[in-house]
Amino acid sequence: MRILVVGAGAIGGYFGGRMLQAGRDVTFLVRPRRAAELARDGLVIWPCNNLAVDEVSIYAAGFSGETRAVEVKTSGSMAVERVMLRKSLMLRYRTPGEIHNQGSDPLEQIESRWILR
């Protein structure tokens, strides 16, 4: 069976990526700018092995397209590496207890700000 996932943001990217990991035939339908980001950066899903957390941070990029190049010293040497940072929205939420016990109740948002990462 072929599966079409509309969008590859937080939800579509996660569930579509997990289906890909399970060996399913998945196609993502995305806008051209998101397609370019995926071609450049790939689809990354960070594992969450510990669900007993006090807060969750979510980073979303690609809204403004704003970037900044910075020079960073590589560890253990004097070499300087040029790194491109993208403007991202950081959202932090407080989680009361284990996430899977949260049910459909909304999480309490404790911070929202723009960062470069």
PDB file of N, CA and C in Angstrom:
ATOM      1  N   MET A   1       0.842  -1.174   0.000  1.00  0.00           N
ATOM      2  CA  MET A   1       0.000   0.000   0.000  1.00  0.00           C
ATOM      3  C   MET A   1       0.892   1.243   0.000  1.00  0.00           C
ATOM      4  N   ARG A   2       0.558   2.215  -0.813  1.00  0.00           N
ATOM      5  CA  ARG A   2       1.273   3.492  -0.865  1.00  0.00           C
ATOM      6  C   ARG A   2       0.555   4.478   0.042  1.00  0.00           C
ATOM      7  N   ILE A   3       1.342   5.292   0.778  1.00  0.00           N
ATOM      8  CA  ILE A   3       0.777   6.251   1.733  1.00  0.00           C
ATOM      9  C   ILE A   3       1.233   7.649   1.338  1.00  0.00           C
ATOM     10  N   LEU A   4       0.290   8.586   1.260  1.00  0.00           N
ATOM     11  CA  LEU A   4       0.596   9.985   0.980  1.00  0.00           C
ATOM     12  C   LEU A   4       0.409  10.778   2.269  1.00  0.00           C
ATOM     13  N   VAL A   5       1.469  11.466   2.715  1.00  0.00           N
ATOM     14  CA  VAL A   5       1.401  12.323   3.891  1.00  0.00           C
ATOM     15  C   VAL A   5       1.430  13.760   3.402  1.00  0.00           C
ATOM     16  N   VAL A   6       0.401  14.523   3.756  1.00  0.00           N
ATOM     17  CA  VAL A   6       0.311  15.921   3.340  1.00  0.00           C
ATOM     18  C   VAL A   6       1.034  16.756   4.386  1.00  0.00           C
ATOM     19  N   GLY A   7       2.193  17.299   3.983  1.00  0.00           N
ATOM     20  CA  GLY A   7       3.013  18.097   4.887  1.00  0.00           C
ATOM     21  C   GLY A   7       4.058  17.258   5.594  1.00  0.00           C
ATOM     22  N   ALA A   8       5.178  17.893   5.905  1.00  0.00           N
ATOM     23  CA  ALA A   8       6.250  17.208   6.624  1.00  0.00           C
ATOM     24  C   ALA A   8       6.735  18.097   7.761  1.00  0.00           C
ATOM     25  N   GLY A   9       5.772  18.680   8.461  1.00  0.00           N
ATOM     26  CA  GLY A   9       6.103  19.472   9.643  1.00  0.00           C
ATOM     27  C   GLY A   9       6.228  18.560  10.841  1.00  0.00           C
ATOM     28  N   ALA A  10       5.864  19.075  11.999  1.00  0.00           N
ATOM     29  CA  ALA A  10       6.007  18.302  13.235  1.00  0.00           C
ATOM     30  C   ALA A  10       5.183  17.023  13.205  1.00  0.00           C
ATOM     31  N   ILE A  11       3.935  17.104  12.812  1.00  0.00           N
ATOM     32  CA  ILE A  11       3.054  15.932  12.862  1.00  0.00           C
ATOM     33  C   ILE A  11       3.279  15.017  11.663  1.00  0.00           C
ATOM     34  N   GLY A  12       3.165  15.578  10.455  1.00  0.00           N
ATOM     35  CA  GLY A  12       3.352  14.763   9.251  1.00  0.00           C
ATOM     36  C   GLY A  12       4.747  14.191   9.159  1.00  0.00           C
ATOM     37  N   GLY A  13       5.743  15.000   9.524  1.00  0.00           N
ATOM     38  CA  GLY A  13       7.124  14.519   9.495  1.00  0.00           C
ATOM     39  C   GLY A  13       7.349  13.377  10.455  1.00  0.00           C
ATOM     40  N   TYR A  14       6.777  13.506  11.673  1.00  0.00           N
ATOM     41  CA  TYR A  14       6.966  12.442  12.664  1.00  0.00           C
ATOM     42  C   TYR A  14       6.300  11.142  12.223  1.00  0.00           C
ATOM     43  N   PHE A  15       5.001  11.216  11.939  1.00  0.00           N
ATOM     44  CA  PHE A  15       4.283   9.982  11.612  1.00  0.00           C
ATOM     45  C   PHE A  15       4.724   9.401  10.267  1.00  0.00           C
ATOM     46  N   GLY A  16       4.965  10.268   9.284  1.00  0.00           N
ATOM     47  CA  GLY A  16       5.469   9.775   8.008  1.00  0.00           C
ATOM     48  C   GLY A  16       6.848   9.156   8.151  1.00  0.00           C
ATOM     49  N   GLY A  17       7.707   9.798   8.937  1.00  0.00           N
ATOM     50  CA  GLY A  17       9.051   9.259   9.181  1.00  0.00           C
ATOM     51  C   GLY A  17       9.018   7.928   9.896  1.00  0.00           C
ATOM     52  N   ARG A  18       8.137   7.800  10.874  1.00  0.00           N
ATOM     53  CA  ARG A  18       8.019   6.524  11.602  1.00  0.00           C
ATOM     54  C   ARG A  18       7.506   5.415  10.669  1.00  0.00           C
ATOM     55  N   MET A  19       6.590   5.765   9.757  1.00  0.00           N
ATOM     56  CA  MET A  19       6.112   4.760   8.802  1.00  0.00           C
ATOM     57  C   MET A  19       7.234   4.362   7.849  1.00  0.00           C
ATOM     58  N   LEU A  20       8.072   5.343   7.444  1.00  0.00           N
ATOM     59  CA  LEU A  20       9.233   5.022   6.607  1.00  0.00           C
ATOM     60  C   LEU A  20      10.172   4.070   7.332  1.00  0.00           C
ATOM     61  N   GLN A  21      10.422   4.343   8.622  1.00  0.00           N
ATOM     62  CA  GLN A  21      11.289   3.473   9.413  1.00  0.00           C
ATOM     63  C   GLN A  21      10.733   2.054   9.500  1.00  0.00           C
ATOM     64  N   ALA A  22       9.403   1.944   9.459  1.00  0.00           N
ATOM     65  CA  ALA A  22       8.761   0.630   9.524  1.00  0.00           C
ATOM     66  C   ALA A  22       8.706  -0.058   8.156  1.00  0.00           C
ATOM     67  N   GLY A  23       9.268   0.602   7.118  1.00  0.00           N
ATOM     68  CA  GLY A  23       9.336  -0.026   5.806  1.00  0.00           C
ATOM     69  C   GLY A  23       8.154   0.241   4.898  1.00  0.00           C
ATOM     70  N   ARG A  24       7.307   1.175   5.245  1.00  0.00           N
ATOM     71  CA  ARG A  24       6.155   1.509   4.403  1.00  0.00           C
ATOM     72  C   ARG A  24       6.578   2.372   3.220  1.00  0.00           C
ATOM     73  N   ASP A  25       5.771   2.362   2.168  1.00  0.00           N
ATOM     74  CA  ASP A  25       6.010   3.173   0.973  1.00  0.00           C
ATOM     75  C   ASP A  25       5.314   4.516   1.178  1.00  0.00           C
ATOM     76  N   VAL A  26       6.076   5.529   1.623  1.00  0.00           N
ATOM     77  CA  VAL A  26       5.516   6.820   2.008  1.00  0.00           C
ATOM     78  C   VAL A  26       6.002   7.907   1.058  1.00  0.00           C
ATOM     79  N   THR A  27       5.083   8.777   0.638  1.00  0.00           N
ATOM     80  CA  THR A  27       5.403   9.960  -0.152  1.00  0.00           C
ATOM     81  C   THR A  27       4.903  11.174   0.612  1.00  0.00           C
ATOM     82  N   PHE A  28       5.745  12.220   0.699  1.00  0.00           N
ATOM     83  CA  PHE A  28       5.361  13.461   1.359  1.00  0.00           C
ATOM     84  C   PHE A  28       4.966  14.489   0.305  1.00  0.00           C
ATOM     85  N   LEU A  29       3.837  15.147   0.494  1.00  0.00           N
ATOM     86  CA  LEU A  29       3.400  16.241  -0.363  1.00  0.00           C
ATOM     87  C   LEU A  29       3.718  17.538   0.376  1.00  0.00           C
ATOM     88  N   VAL A  30       4.721  18.276  -0.120  1.00  0.00           N
ATOM     89  CA  VAL A  30       5.171  19.494   0.562  1.00  0.00           C
ATOM     90  C   VAL A  30       5.317  20.628  -0.434  1.00  0.00           C
ATOM     91  N   ARG A  31       5.354  21.835   0.093  1.00  0.00           N
ATOM     92  CA  ARG A  31       5.578  23.013  -0.746  1.00  0.00           C
ATOM     93  C   ARG A  31       7.025  23.030  -1.217  1.00  0.00           C
ATOM     94  N   PRO A  32       7.311  23.773  -2.315  1.00  0.00           N
ATOM     95  CA  PRO A  32       8.667  23.782  -2.873  1.00  0.00           C
ATOM     96  C   PRO A  32       9.752  24.183  -1.866  1.00  0.00           C
ATOM     97  N   ARG A  33       9.481  25.179  -1.029  1.00  0.00           N
ATOM     98  CA  ARG A  33      10.507  25.611  -0.073  1.00  0.00           C
ATOM     99  C   ARG A  33      10.807  24.509   0.954  1.00  0.00           C
ATOM    100  N   ARG A  34       9.770  23.818   1.422  1.00  0.00           N
ATOM    101  CA  ARG A  34       9.977  22.722   2.372  1.00  0.00           C
ATOM    102  C   ARG A  34      10.684  21.561   1.677  1.00  0.00           C
ATOM    103  N   ALA A  35      10.370  21.324   0.409  1.00  0.00           N
ATOM    104  CA  ALA A  35      11.044  20.262  -0.343  1.00  0.00           C
ATOM    105  C   ALA A  35      12.536  20.543  -0.437  1.00  0.00           C
ATOM    106  N   ALA A  36      12.904  21.811  -0.656  1.00  0.00           N
ATOM    107  CA  ALA A  36      14.319  22.182  -0.717  1.00  0.00           C
ATOM    108  C   ALA A  36      14.990  21.969   0.640  1.00  0.00           C
ATOM    109  N   GLU A  37      14.287  22.320   1.737  1.00  0.00           N
ATOM    110  CA  GLU A  37      14.842  22.102   3.074  1.00  0.00           C
ATOM    111  C   GLU A  37      15.064  20.615   3.338  1.00  0.00           C
ATOM    112  N   LEU A  38      14.088  19.799   2.967  1.00  0.00           N
ATOM    113  CA  LEU A  38      14.221  18.357   3.176  1.00  0.00           C
ATOM    114  C   LEU A  38      15.348  17.775   2.332  1.00  0.00           C
ATOM    115  N   ALA A  39      15.508  18.277   1.101  1.00  0.00           N
ATOM    116  CA  ALA A  39      16.596  17.801   0.244  1.00  0.00           C
ATOM    117  C   ALA A  39      17.948  18.178   0.830  1.00  0.00           C
ATOM    118  N   ARG A  40      18.018  19.363   1.432  1.00  0.00           N
ATOM    119  CA  ARG A  40      19.273  19.844   2.004  1.00  0.00           C
ATOM    120  C   ARG A  40      19.573  19.204   3.366  1.00  0.00           C
ATOM    121  N   ASP A  41      18.570  19.177   4.265  1.00  0.00           N
ATOM    122  CA  ASP A  41      18.792  18.762   5.647  1.00  0.00           C
ATOM    123  C   ASP A  41      18.320  17.347   5.960  1.00  0.00           C
ATOM    124  N   GLY A  42      17.436  16.812   5.137  1.00  0.00           N
ATOM    125  CA  GLY A  42      16.847  15.512   5.437  1.00  0.00           C
ATOM    126  C   GLY A  42      15.739  15.641   6.463  1.00  0.00           C
ATOM    127  N   LEU A  43      15.097  14.535   6.771  1.00  0.00           N
ATOM    128  CA  LEU A  43      14.047  14.491   7.787  1.00  0.00           C
ATOM    129  C   LEU A  43      14.665  13.852   9.019  1.00  0.00           C
ATOM    130  N   VAL A  44      14.685  14.587  10.118  1.00  0.00           N
ATOM    131  CA  VAL A  44      15.325  14.112  11.347  1.00  0.00           C
ATOM    132  C   VAL A  44      14.266  13.952  12.426  1.00  0.00           C
ATOM    133  N   ILE A  45      14.250  12.785  13.054  1.00  0.00           N
ATOM    134  CA  ILE A  45      13.361  12.525  14.187  1.00  0.00           C
ATOM    135  C   ILE A  45      14.241  12.167  15.374  1.00  0.00           C
ATOM    136  N   TRP A  46      14.158  12.981  16.427  1.00  0.00           N
ATOM    137  CA  TRP A  46      14.941  12.688  17.622  1.00  0.00           C
ATOM    138  C   TRP A  46      14.147  11.750  18.510  1.00  0.00           C
ATOM    139  N   PRO A  47      14.781  10.657  18.970  1.00  0.00           N
ATOM    140  CA  PRO A  47      14.053   9.715  19.828  1.00  0.00           C
ATOM    141  C   PRO A  47      13.809  10.299  21.216  1.00  0.00           C
ATOM    142  N   CYS A  48      12.721   9.912  21.810  1.00  0.00           N
ATOM    143  CA  CYS A  48      12.401  10.300  23.186  1.00  0.00           C
ATOM    144  C   CYS A  48      12.296   9.014  23.985  1.00  0.00           C
ATOM    145  N   ASN A  49      13.367   8.678  24.685  1.00  0.00           N
ATOM    146  CA  ASN A  49      13.402   7.423  25.434  1.00  0.00           C
ATOM    147  C   ASN A  49      12.844   7.561  26.842  1.00  0.00           C
ATOM    148  N   ASN A  50      12.797   8.776  27.369  1.00  0.00           N
ATOM    149  CA  ASN A  50      12.321   9.002  28.724  1.00  0.00           C
ATOM    150  C   ASN A  50      11.080   9.886  28.664  1.00  0.00           C
ATOM    151  N   LEU A  51       9.914   9.303  28.930  1.00  0.00           N
ATOM    152  CA  LEU A  51       8.675  10.071  28.850  1.00  0.00           C
ATOM    153  C   LEU A  51       8.326  10.762  30.167  1.00  0.00           C
ATOM    154  N   ALA A  52       9.114  10.544  31.216  1.00  0.00           N
ATOM    155  CA  ALA A  52       8.891  11.211  32.498  1.00  0.00           C
ATOM    156  C   ALA A  52       9.704  12.505  32.500  1.00  0.00           C
ATOM    157  N   VAL A  53       9.192  13.526  31.842  1.00  0.00           N
ATOM    158  CA  VAL A  53       9.900  14.796  31.719  1.00  0.00           C
ATOM    159  C   VAL A  53       9.048  15.914  32.309  1.00  0.00           C
ATOM    160  N   ASP A  54       9.706  17.010  32.712  1.00  0.00           N
ATOM    161  CA  ASP A  54       9.004  18.151  33.282  1.00  0.00           C
ATOM    162  C   ASP A  54       8.587  19.170  32.232  1.00  0.00           C
ATOM    163  N   GLU A  55       9.323  19.200  31.124  1.00  0.00           N
ATOM    164  CA  GLU A  55       8.982  20.141  30.064  1.00  0.00           C
ATOM    165  C   GLU A  55       9.441  19.609  28.722  1.00  0.00           C
ATOM    166  N   VAL A  56       8.820  20.132  27.681  1.00  0.00           N
ATOM    167  CA  VAL A  56       9.117  19.743  26.303  1.00  0.00           C
ATOM    168  C   VAL A  56       9.417  21.016  25.518  1.00  0.00           C
ATOM    169  N   SER A  57      10.488  20.992  24.711  1.00  0.00           N
ATOM    170  CA  SER A  57      10.815  22.119  23.839  1.00  0.00           C
ATOM    171  C   SER A  57      10.599  21.689  22.394  1.00  0.00           C
ATOM    172  N   ILE A  58       9.970  22.556  21.620  1.00  0.00           N
ATOM    173  CA  ILE A  58       9.709  22.293  20.205  1.00  0.00           C
ATOM    174  C   ILE A  58      10.360  23.415  19.409  1.00  0.00           C
ATOM    175  N   TYR A  59      11.109  23.054  18.365  1.00  0.00           N
ATOM    176  CA  TYR A  59      11.764  24.027  17.501  1.00  0.00           C
ATOM    177  C   TYR A  59      11.168  23.903  16.112  1.00  0.00           C
ATOM    178  N   ALA A  60      10.705  25.002  15.564  1.00  0.00           N
ATOM    179  CA  ALA A  60      10.117  25.010  14.225  1.00  0.00           C
ATOM    180  C   ALA A  60      10.854  26.044  13.382  1.00  0.00           C
ATOM    181  N   ALA A  61      11.345  25.637  12.224  1.00  0.00           N
ATOM    182  CA  ALA A  61      12.103  26.527  11.348  1.00  0.00           C
ATOM    183  C   ALA A  61      11.415  26.629   9.997  1.00  0.00           C
ATOM    184  N   GLY A  62      11.835  27.602   9.211  1.00  0.00           N
ATOM    185  CA  GLY A  62      11.340  27.724   7.850  1.00  0.00           C
ATOM    186  C   GLY A  62      10.199  28.701   7.676  1.00  0.00           C
ATOM    187  N   PHE A  63       9.804  29.403   8.735  1.00  0.00           N
ATOM    188  CA  PHE A  63       8.704  30.365   8.615  1.00  0.00           C
ATOM    189  C   PHE A  63       9.147  31.621   7.890  1.00  0.00           C
ATOM    190  N   SER A  64      10.305  32.166   8.267  1.00  0.00           N
ATOM    191  CA  SER A  64      10.728  33.453   7.717  1.00  0.00           C
ATOM    192  C   SER A  64      11.804  33.319   6.645  1.00  0.00           C
ATOM    193  N   GLY A  65      12.526  32.214   6.641  1.00  0.00           N
ATOM    194  CA  GLY A  65      13.635  32.051   5.699  1.00  0.00           C
ATOM    195  C   GLY A  65      14.871  32.830   6.098  1.00  0.00           C
ATOM    196  N   GLU A  66      14.834  33.484   7.265  1.00  0.00           N
ATOM    197  CA  GLU A  66      15.977  34.288   7.718  1.00  0.00           C
ATOM    198  C   GLU A  66      17.120  33.382   8.187  1.00  0.00           C
ATOM    199  N   THR A  67      18.324  33.689   7.731  1.00  0.00           N
ATOM    200  CA  THR A  67      19.514  32.923   8.119  1.00  0.00           C
ATOM    201  C   THR A  67      20.642  33.879   8.489  1.00  0.00           C
ATOM    202  N   ARG A  68      21.639  33.339   9.165  1.00  0.00           N
ATOM    203  CA  ARG A  68      22.828  34.125   9.489  1.00  0.00           C
ATOM    204  C   ARG A  68      24.023  33.176   9.514  1.00  0.00           C
ATOM    205  N   ALA A  69      25.095  33.575   8.847  1.00  0.00           N
ATOM    206  CA  ALA A  69      26.318  32.782   8.859  1.00  0.00           C
ATOM    207  C   ALA A  69      27.193  33.251  10.014  1.00  0.00           C
ATOM    208  N   VAL A  70      27.737  32.292  10.772  1.00  0.00           N
ATOM    209  CA  VAL A  70      28.635  32.609  11.879  1.00  0.00           C
ATOM    210  C   VAL A  70      29.866  31.723  11.768  1.00  0.00           C
ATOM    211  N   GLU A  71      30.960  32.193  12.347  1.00  0.00           N
ATOM    212  CA  GLU A  71      32.185  31.404  12.367  1.00  0.00           C
ATOM    213  C   GLU A  71      32.377  30.826  13.755  1.00  0.00           C
ATOM    214  N   VAL A  72      32.658  29.518  13.817  1.00  0.00           N
ATOM    215  CA  VAL A  72      32.777  28.802  15.079  1.00  0.00           C
ATOM    216  C   VAL A  72      34.109  28.074  15.091  1.00  0.00           C
ATOM    217  N   LYS A  73      34.847  28.172  16.218  1.00  0.00           N
ATOM    218  CA  LYS A  73      36.090  27.414  16.355  1.00  0.00           C
ATOM    219  C   LYS A  73      35.747  25.952  16.579  1.00  0.00           C
ATOM    220  N   THR A  74      36.424  25.082  15.848  1.00  0.00           N
ATOM    221  CA  THR A  74      36.212  23.654  16.043  1.00  0.00           C
ATOM    222  C   THR A  74      36.977  23.221  17.282  1.00  0.00           C
ATOM    223  N   SER A  75      36.410  22.298  18.031  1.00  0.00           N
ATOM    224  CA  SER A  75      37.031  21.877  19.288  1.00  0.00           C
ATOM    225  C   SER A  75      38.368  21.192  19.036  1.00  0.00           C
ATOM    226  N   GLY A  76      39.351  21.520  19.871  1.00  0.00           N
ATOM    227  CA  GLY A  76      40.654  20.882  19.789  1.00  0.00           C
ATOM    228  C   GLY A  76      41.567  21.417  18.702  1.00  0.00           C
ATOM    229  N   SER A  77      41.172  22.462  18.000  1.00  0.00           N
ATOM    230  CA  SER A  77      42.058  23.014  16.976  1.00  0.00           C
ATOM    231  C   SER A  77      41.805  24.512  16.850  1.00  0.00           C
ATOM    232  N   MET A  78      42.618  25.151  16.069  1.00  0.00           N
ATOM    233  CA  MET A  78      42.469  26.583  15.833  1.00  0.00           C
ATOM    234  C   MET A  78      41.654  26.865  14.570  1.00  0.00           C
ATOM    235  N   ALA A  79      41.193  25.808  13.929  1.00  0.00           N
ATOM    236  CA  ALA A  79      40.429  25.967  12.688  1.00  0.00           C
ATOM    237  C   ALA A  79      39.072  26.612  12.967  1.00  0.00           C
ATOM    238  N   VAL A  80      38.615  27.391  12.021  1.00  0.00           N
ATOM    239  CA  VAL A  80      37.319  28.056  12.128  1.00  0.00           C
ATOM    240  C   VAL A  80      36.402  27.488  11.051  1.00  0.00           C
ATOM    241  N   GLU A  81      35.200  27.129  11.469  1.00  0.00           N
ATOM    242  CA  GLU A  81      34.219  26.569  10.548  1.00  0.00           C
ATOM    243  C   GLU A  81      33.063  27.563  10.395  1.00  0.00           C
ATOM    244  N   ARG A  82      32.595  27.728   9.174  1.00  0.00           N
ATOM    245  CA  ARG A  82      31.468  28.627   8.908  1.00  0.00           C
ATOM    246  C   ARG A  82      30.180  27.809   9.017  1.00  0.00           C
ATOM    247  N   VAL A  83      29.255  28.264   9.861  1.00  0.00           N
ATOM    248  CA  VAL A  83      28.003  27.561  10.122  1.00  0.00           C
ATOM    249  C   VAL A  83      26.836  28.479   9.780  1.00  0.00           C
ATOM    250  N   MET A  84      25.817  27.931   9.151  1.00  0.00           N
ATOM    251  CA  MET A  84      24.628  28.694   8.804  1.00  0.00           C
ATOM    252  C   MET A  84      23.547  28.428   9.845  1.00  0.00           C
ATOM    253  N   LEU A  85      23.062  29.473  10.495  1.00  0.00           N
ATOM    254  CA  LEU A  85      21.979  29.364  11.472  1.00  0.00           C
ATOM    255  C   LEU A  85      20.674  29.799  10.812  1.00  0.00           C
ATOM    256  N   ARG A  86      19.578  29.162  11.212  1.00  0.00           N
ATOM    257  CA  ARG A  86      18.265  29.528  10.676  1.00  0.00           C
ATOM    258  C   ARG A  86      17.384  30.044  11.801  1.00  0.00           C
ATOM    259  N   LYS A  87      16.595  31.056  11.490  1.00  0.00           N
ATOM    260  CA  LYS A  87      15.663  31.585  12.468  1.00  0.00           C
ATOM    261  C   LYS A  87      14.615  30.516  12.751  1.00  0.00           C
ATOM    262  N   SER A  88      14.430  30.210  14.030  1.00  0.00           N
ATOM    263  CA  SER A  88      13.505  29.154  14.446  1.00  0.00           C
ATOM    264  C   SER A  88      12.633  29.651  15.588  1.00  0.00           C
ATOM    265  N   LEU A  89      11.434  29.138  15.656  1.00  0.00           N
ATOM    266  CA  LEU A  89      10.535  29.434  16.761  1.00  0.00           C
ATOM    267  C   LEU A  89      10.715  28.356  17.812  1.00  0.00           C
ATOM    268  N   MET A  90      11.052  28.776  19.042  1.00  0.00           N
ATOM    269  CA  MET A  90      11.193  27.827  20.143  1.00  0.00           C
ATOM    270  C   MET A  90       9.968  27.952  21.040  1.00  0.00           C
ATOM    271  N   LEU A  91       9.307  26.825  21.282  1.00  0.00           N
ATOM    272  CA  LEU A  91       8.164  26.770  22.181  1.00  0.00           C
ATOM    273  C   LEU A  91       8.497  25.800  23.308  1.00  0.00           C
ATOM    274  N   ARG A  92       8.297  26.226  24.547  1.00  0.00           N
ATOM    275  CA  ARG A  92       8.524  25.347  25.694  1.00  0.00           C
ATOM    276  C   ARG A  92       7.198  25.143  26.427  1.00  0.00           C
ATOM    277  N   TYR A  93       6.930  23.884  26.776  1.00  0.00           N
ATOM    278  CA  TYR A  93       5.699  23.520  27.466  1.00  0.00           C
ATOM    279  C   TYR A  93       6.025  22.739  28.734  1.00  0.00           C
ATOM    280  N   ARG A  94       5.264  22.982  29.795  1.00  0.00           N
ATOM    281  CA  ARG A  94       5.385  22.231  31.045  1.00  0.00           C
ATOM    282  C   ARG A  94       4.515  20.989  30.914  1.00  0.00           C
ATOM    283  N   THR A  95       5.037  19.843  31.330  1.00  0.00           N
ATOM    284  CA  THR A  95       4.285  18.587  31.263  1.00  0.00           C
ATOM    285  C   THR A  95       4.062  18.064  32.673  1.00  0.00           C
ATOM    286  N   PRO A  96       2.827  17.932  33.093  1.00  0.00           N
ATOM    287  CA  PRO A  96       2.551  17.401  34.429  1.00  0.00           C
ATOM    288  C   PRO A  96       2.635  15.875  34.430  1.00  0.00           C
ATOM    289  N   GLY A  97       3.745  15.331  34.886  1.00  0.00           N
ATOM    290  CA  GLY A  97       3.897  13.878  34.918  1.00  0.00           C
ATOM    291  C   GLY A  97       4.310  13.315  33.575  1.00  0.00           C
ATOM    292  N   GLU A  98       4.030  12.044  33.352  1.00  0.00           N
ATOM    293  CA  GLU A  98       4.426  11.381  32.116  1.00  0.00           C
ATOM    294  C   GLU A  98       3.537  11.819  30.958  1.00  0.00           C
ATOM    295  N   ILE A  99       4.155  12.007  29.807  1.00  0.00           N
ATOM    296  CA  ILE A  99       3.445  12.536  28.640  1.00  0.00           C
ATOM    297  C   ILE A  99       2.287  11.632  28.221  1.00  0.00           C
ATOM    298  N   HIS A 100       2.496  10.317  28.228  1.00  0.00           N
ATOM    299  CA  HIS A 100       1.419   9.439  27.742  1.00  0.00           C
ATOM    300  C   HIS A 100       0.218   9.410  28.689  1.00  0.00           C
ATOM    301  N   ASN A 101       0.348   9.927  29.914  1.00  0.00           N
ATOM    302  CA  ASN A 101      -0.796  10.042  30.821  1.00  0.00           C
ATOM    303  C   ASN A 101      -1.514  11.384  30.688  1.00  0.00           C
ATOM    304  N   GLN A 102      -1.024  12.253  29.820  1.00  0.00           N
ATOM    305  CA  GLN A 102      -1.570  13.598  29.659  1.00  0.00           C
ATOM    306  C   GLN A 102      -2.977  13.570  29.065  1.00  0.00           C
ATOM    307  N   GLY A 103      -3.250  12.600  28.225  1.00  0.00           N
ATOM    308  CA  GLY A 103      -4.559  12.553  27.574  1.00  0.00           C
ATOM    309  C   GLY A 103      -4.699  13.682  26.571  1.00  0.00           C
ATOM    310  N   SER A 104      -5.902  14.217  26.432  1.00  0.00           N
ATOM    311  CA  SER A 104      -6.138  15.275  25.452  1.00  0.00           C
ATOM    312  C   SER A 104      -6.067  16.670  26.071  1.00  0.00           C
ATOM    313  N   ASP A 105      -5.689  16.762  27.354  1.00  0.00           N
ATOM    314  CA  ASP A 105      -5.562  18.069  27.988  1.00  0.00           C
ATOM    315  C   ASP A 105      -4.390  18.828  27.380  1.00  0.00           C
ATOM    316  N   PRO A 106      -4.571  20.142  27.126  1.00  0.00           N
ATOM    317  CA  PRO A 106      -3.465  20.916  26.542  1.00  0.00           C
ATOM    318  C   PRO A 106      -2.327  21.098  27.545  1.00  0.00           C
ATOM    319  N   LEU A 107      -1.114  21.207  27.007  1.00  0.00           N
ATOM    320  CA  LEU A 107       0.038  21.466  27.856  1.00  0.00           C
ATOM    321  C   LEU A 107       0.131  22.958  28.149  1.00  0.00           C
ATOM    322  N   GLU A 108       0.715  23.304  29.291  1.00  0.00           N
ATOM    323  CA  GLU A 108       0.887  24.703  29.660  1.00  0.00           C
ATOM    324  C   GLU A 108       2.124  25.262  28.967  1.00  0.00           C
ATOM    325  N   GLN A 109       1.932  26.283  28.134  1.00  0.00           N
ATOM    326  CA  GLN A 109       3.069  26.910  27.449  1.00  0.00           C
ATOM    327  C   GLN A 109       3.777  27.841  28.427  1.00  0.00           C
ATOM    328  N   ILE A 110       5.114  27.675  28.544  1.00  0.00           N
ATOM    329  CA  ILE A 110       5.860  28.506  29.479  1.00  0.00           C
ATOM    330  C   ILE A 110       6.817  29.476  28.775  1.00  0.00           C
ATOM    331  N   GLU A 111       7.060  29.277  27.473  1.00  0.00           N
ATOM    332  CA  GLU A 111       7.932  30.206  26.752  1.00  0.00           C
ATOM    333  C   GLU A 111       7.689  30.083  25.259  1.00  0.00           C
ATOM    334  N   SER A 112       7.809  31.216  24.586  1.00  0.00           N
ATOM    335  CA  SER A 112       7.723  31.268  23.129  1.00  0.00           C
ATOM    336  C   SER A 112       8.649  32.397  22.683  1.00  0.00           C
ATOM    337  N   ARG A 113       9.681  32.059  21.879  1.00  0.00           N
ATOM    338  CA  ARG A 113      10.580  33.109  21.392  1.00  0.00           C
ATOM    339  C   ARG A 113      11.277  32.644  20.125  1.00  0.00           C
ATOM    340  N   TRP A 114      11.765  33.644  19.367  1.00  0.00           N
ATOM    341  CA  TRP A 114      12.516  33.392  18.136  1.00  0.00           C
ATOM    342  C   TRP A 114      13.992  33.277  18.495  1.00  0.00           C
ATOM    343  N   ILE A 115      14.664  32.270  17.931  1.00  0.00           N
ATOM    344  CA  ILE A 115      16.089  32.075  18.168  1.00  0.00           C
ATOM    345  C   ILE A 115      16.765  31.746  16.835  1.00  0.00           C
ATOM    346  N   LEU A 116      18.070  31.824  16.809  1.00  0.00           N
ATOM    347  CA  LEU A 116      18.860  31.351  15.661  1.00  0.00           C
ATOM    348  C   LEU A 116      19.543  30.069  16.101  1.00  0.00           C
ATOM    349  N   ARG A 117      19.342  29.001  15.330  1.00  0.00           N
ATOM    350  CA  ARG A 117      19.981  27.726  15.679  1.00  0.00           C
ATOM    351  C   ARG A 117      20.359  26.975  14.445  1.00  0.00           C
TER     352      ARG A 117
END
